[in-house]
Protein backbone atom coordinates (compact mmCIF):
# COMPACT_ATOMS: atom_id res chain seq x y z
CA UNK A 1 -27.68 55.13 10.68
CA UNK A 2 -28.69 51.51 11.55
CA UNK A 3 -25.65 48.86 12.28
CA UNK A 4 -24.96 46.98 9.22
CA UNK A 5 -23.49 44.41 11.30
CA UNK A 6 -26.01 44.01 13.84
CA UNK A 7 -27.99 40.95 13.81
CA UNK A 8 -30.84 39.70 16.42
CA UNK A 9 -30.05 35.94 17.35
CA UNK A 10 -33.30 33.35 17.64
CA UNK A 11 -31.66 30.17 18.92
CA UNK A 12 -33.88 27.41 19.70
CA UNK A 13 -33.41 23.74 20.80
CA UNK A 14 -34.99 20.49 19.52
CA UNK A 15 -34.82 17.01 21.13
CA UNK A 16 -35.05 13.80 18.82
CA UNK A 17 -37.49 11.21 21.11
CA UNK A 18 -37.47 7.89 19.76
CA UNK A 19 -40.08 5.31 21.08
CA UNK A 20 -39.58 1.73 22.22
CA UNK A 21 -39.45 0.79 18.60
CA UNK A 22 -37.42 3.19 16.87
CA UNK A 23 -40.25 5.62 15.65
CA UNK A 24 -39.72 9.46 16.14
CA UNK A 25 -41.52 11.81 17.96
CA UNK A 26 -43.04 14.87 16.32
CA UNK A 27 -45.79 17.74 17.15
CA UNK A 28 -48.49 19.23 14.59
CA UNK A 29 -47.96 22.86 14.90
CA UNK A 30 -51.11 24.37 14.99
CA UNK A 31 -52.62 26.79 12.14
CA UNK A 32 -51.99 30.32 13.85
CA UNK A 33 -48.56 29.83 14.28
CA UNK A 34 -46.87 32.66 12.11
CA UNK A 35 -44.71 29.63 10.21
CA UNK A 36 -45.19 26.52 8.79
CA UNK A 37 -48.77 26.31 9.75
CA UNK A 38 -50.09 22.35 10.22
CA UNK A 39 -46.70 21.26 9.61
CA UNK A 40 -45.20 18.63 11.63
CA UNK A 41 -41.69 19.22 14.03
CA UNK A 42 -39.67 17.70 16.36
CA UNK A 43 -40.22 18.97 20.63
CA UNK A 44 -38.26 22.10 21.73
CA UNK A 45 -38.58 26.16 21.25
CA UNK A 46 -36.47 28.56 22.33
CA UNK A 47 -34.33 29.90 24.68
CA UNK A 48 -35.21 31.87 27.35
CA UNK A 49 -33.43 34.39 29.47
CA UNK A 50 -30.41 33.09 31.76
CA UNK A 51 -31.13 29.75 30.17
CA UNK A 52 -28.35 27.08 29.15
CA UNK A 53 -29.77 25.00 25.95
CA UNK A 54 -29.98 21.90 27.52
CA UNK A 55 -32.33 24.15 30.81
CA UNK A 56 -34.49 24.94 27.57
CA UNK A 57 -33.97 21.81 26.15
CA UNK A 58 -35.80 20.30 29.14
CA UNK A 59 -38.36 23.15 29.83
CA UNK A 60 -39.29 23.39 26.26
CA UNK A 61 -40.05 19.08 25.98
CA UNK A 62 -42.14 19.05 29.10
CA UNK A 63 -44.11 22.20 28.03
CA UNK A 64 -44.88 20.92 25.01
CA UNK A 65 -44.92 17.41 25.40
CA UNK A 66 -45.19 16.35 29.00
CA UNK A 67 -42.50 14.38 29.44
CA UNK A 68 -39.11 14.91 31.31
CA UNK A 69 -35.58 14.55 30.13
CA UNK A 70 -33.45 13.24 33.30
CA UNK A 71 -30.05 12.86 31.09
CA UNK A 72 -27.23 15.02 29.44
CA UNK A 73 -27.68 15.45 25.86
CA UNK A 74 -25.68 15.25 23.12
CA UNK A 75 -25.60 17.86 20.33
CA UNK A 76 -26.01 16.15 16.93
CA UNK A 77 -27.00 19.27 14.88
CA UNK A 78 -26.76 22.51 13.99
CA UNK A 79 -28.25 24.87 11.61
CA UNK A 80 -28.08 28.77 10.94
CA UNK A 81 -29.61 30.60 8.81
CA UNK A 82 -31.32 34.86 8.25
CA UNK A 83 -35.01 34.30 8.68
CA UNK A 84 -36.17 35.30 5.40
CA UNK A 85 -39.32 37.51 6.45
CA UNK A 86 -36.87 39.45 8.93
CA UNK A 87 -33.29 39.97 6.99
CA UNK A 88 -31.83 41.19 10.49
CA UNK A 89 -32.77 38.27 12.55
CA UNK A 90 -30.36 35.40 12.03
CA UNK A 91 -31.44 32.04 13.75
CA UNK A 92 -29.32 29.27 15.38
CA UNK A 93 -31.42 25.81 15.79
CA UNK A 94 -29.60 23.18 18.21
CA UNK A 95 -30.87 19.75 18.46
CA UNK A 96 -29.82 17.35 20.99
CA UNK A 97 -30.66 13.99 20.98
CA UNK A 98 -31.89 10.91 20.50
CA UNK A 99 -33.53 10.35 23.49
CA UNK A 100 -35.11 6.79 24.09
CA UNK A 101 -38.15 6.16 26.17
CA UNK A 102 -37.86 2.72 28.08
CA UNK A 103 -41.17 3.10 28.48
CA UNK A 104 -44.42 4.03 26.78
CA UNK A 105 -45.80 7.86 28.25
CA UNK A 106 -48.30 9.69 27.62
CA UNK A 107 -47.62 12.38 25.68
CA UNK A 108 -49.67 15.75 27.06
CA UNK A 109 -50.17 18.50 24.20
CA UNK A 110 -50.18 22.60 25.27
CA UNK A 111 -49.26 24.59 22.04
CA UNK A 112 -49.43 21.99 19.20
CA UNK A 113 -52.68 19.88 17.89
CA UNK A 114 -51.23 16.80 17.25
CA UNK A 115 -48.35 14.48 18.05
CA UNK A 116 -47.18 10.94 16.21
CA UNK A 117 -44.38 8.20 16.41
CA UNK A 118 -43.40 8.08 13.32
CA UNK A 119 -41.13 5.95 11.42
CA UNK A 120 -38.66 7.22 8.95
CA UNK A 121 -40.36 5.65 6.39
CA UNK A 122 -43.65 7.47 7.43
CA UNK A 123 -42.17 10.97 8.07
CA UNK A 124 -40.84 11.50 4.10
CA UNK A 125 -44.54 10.87 3.61
CA UNK A 126 -45.75 14.06 6.21
CA UNK A 127 -45.44 17.76 5.37
CA UNK A 128 -42.90 18.78 7.98
CA UNK A 129 -41.14 22.04 8.53
CA UNK A 130 -38.33 22.82 6.98
CA UNK A 131 -35.77 22.74 10.31
CA UNK A 132 -37.39 19.00 10.89
CA UNK A 133 -36.39 17.93 7.58
CA UNK A 134 -32.71 18.90 8.05
CA UNK A 135 -32.43 17.23 11.19
CA UNK A 136 -33.11 14.06 10.17
CA UNK A 137 -30.95 14.42 7.33
CA UNK A 138 -28.18 15.37 9.62
CA UNK A 139 -28.62 12.23 11.76
CA UNK A 140 -28.54 10.51 8.58
CA UNK A 141 -25.77 11.75 6.67
CA UNK A 142 -24.61 7.98 5.14
CA UNK A 143 -27.91 7.52 3.00
CA UNK A 144 -28.33 11.76 2.68
CA UNK A 145 -24.43 11.82 1.25
CA UNK A 146 -25.34 9.03 -1.65
CA UNK A 147 -28.95 10.85 -2.63
CA UNK A 148 -27.23 13.98 -3.15
CA UNK A 149 -25.46 13.03 -6.40
CA UNK A 150 -29.11 11.46 -7.85
CA UNK A 151 -31.03 14.54 -6.73
CA UNK A 152 -33.36 12.63 -4.14
CA UNK A 153 -34.39 15.39 -1.66
CA UNK A 154 -33.34 15.19 1.85
CA UNK A 155 -35.92 12.78 3.84
CA UNK A 156 -35.99 10.51 0.33
CA UNK A 157 -31.81 10.05 1.29
CA UNK A 158 -32.97 8.39 4.87
CA UNK A 159 -35.79 5.95 3.84
């Protein structure tokens, strides 16, 4: 009998990256993604064996965008959930930020089909992954708390 208390854990790290105008970098997933195809998300990915959270973050951001992060970042958001499509897998999402770029950098895409720099107002109009919506709501929690009382969505709360 399979032990009912053993869960596989998938750890993902993401970064909030802003340009000089304060807009956030989002990447658009391709249509062949297992989940959330063609949705926008924050740069990042899964932890590999023997990596620290920050090492994984630096590697993923560099691989996905060509941007090299060279400073320590604080964790600003944590979220965990059991994946609906795999009841024996728990996902832990760790978001670091905020990286504010001092100069315009060229973004080089590897796994995504598009990138963009967006204000919170613009992001509200995009189709984003649930984790991206949660993270941006977390970062803007005071506005979110005000809107939860009137039943607006998380991203409606941040603009």
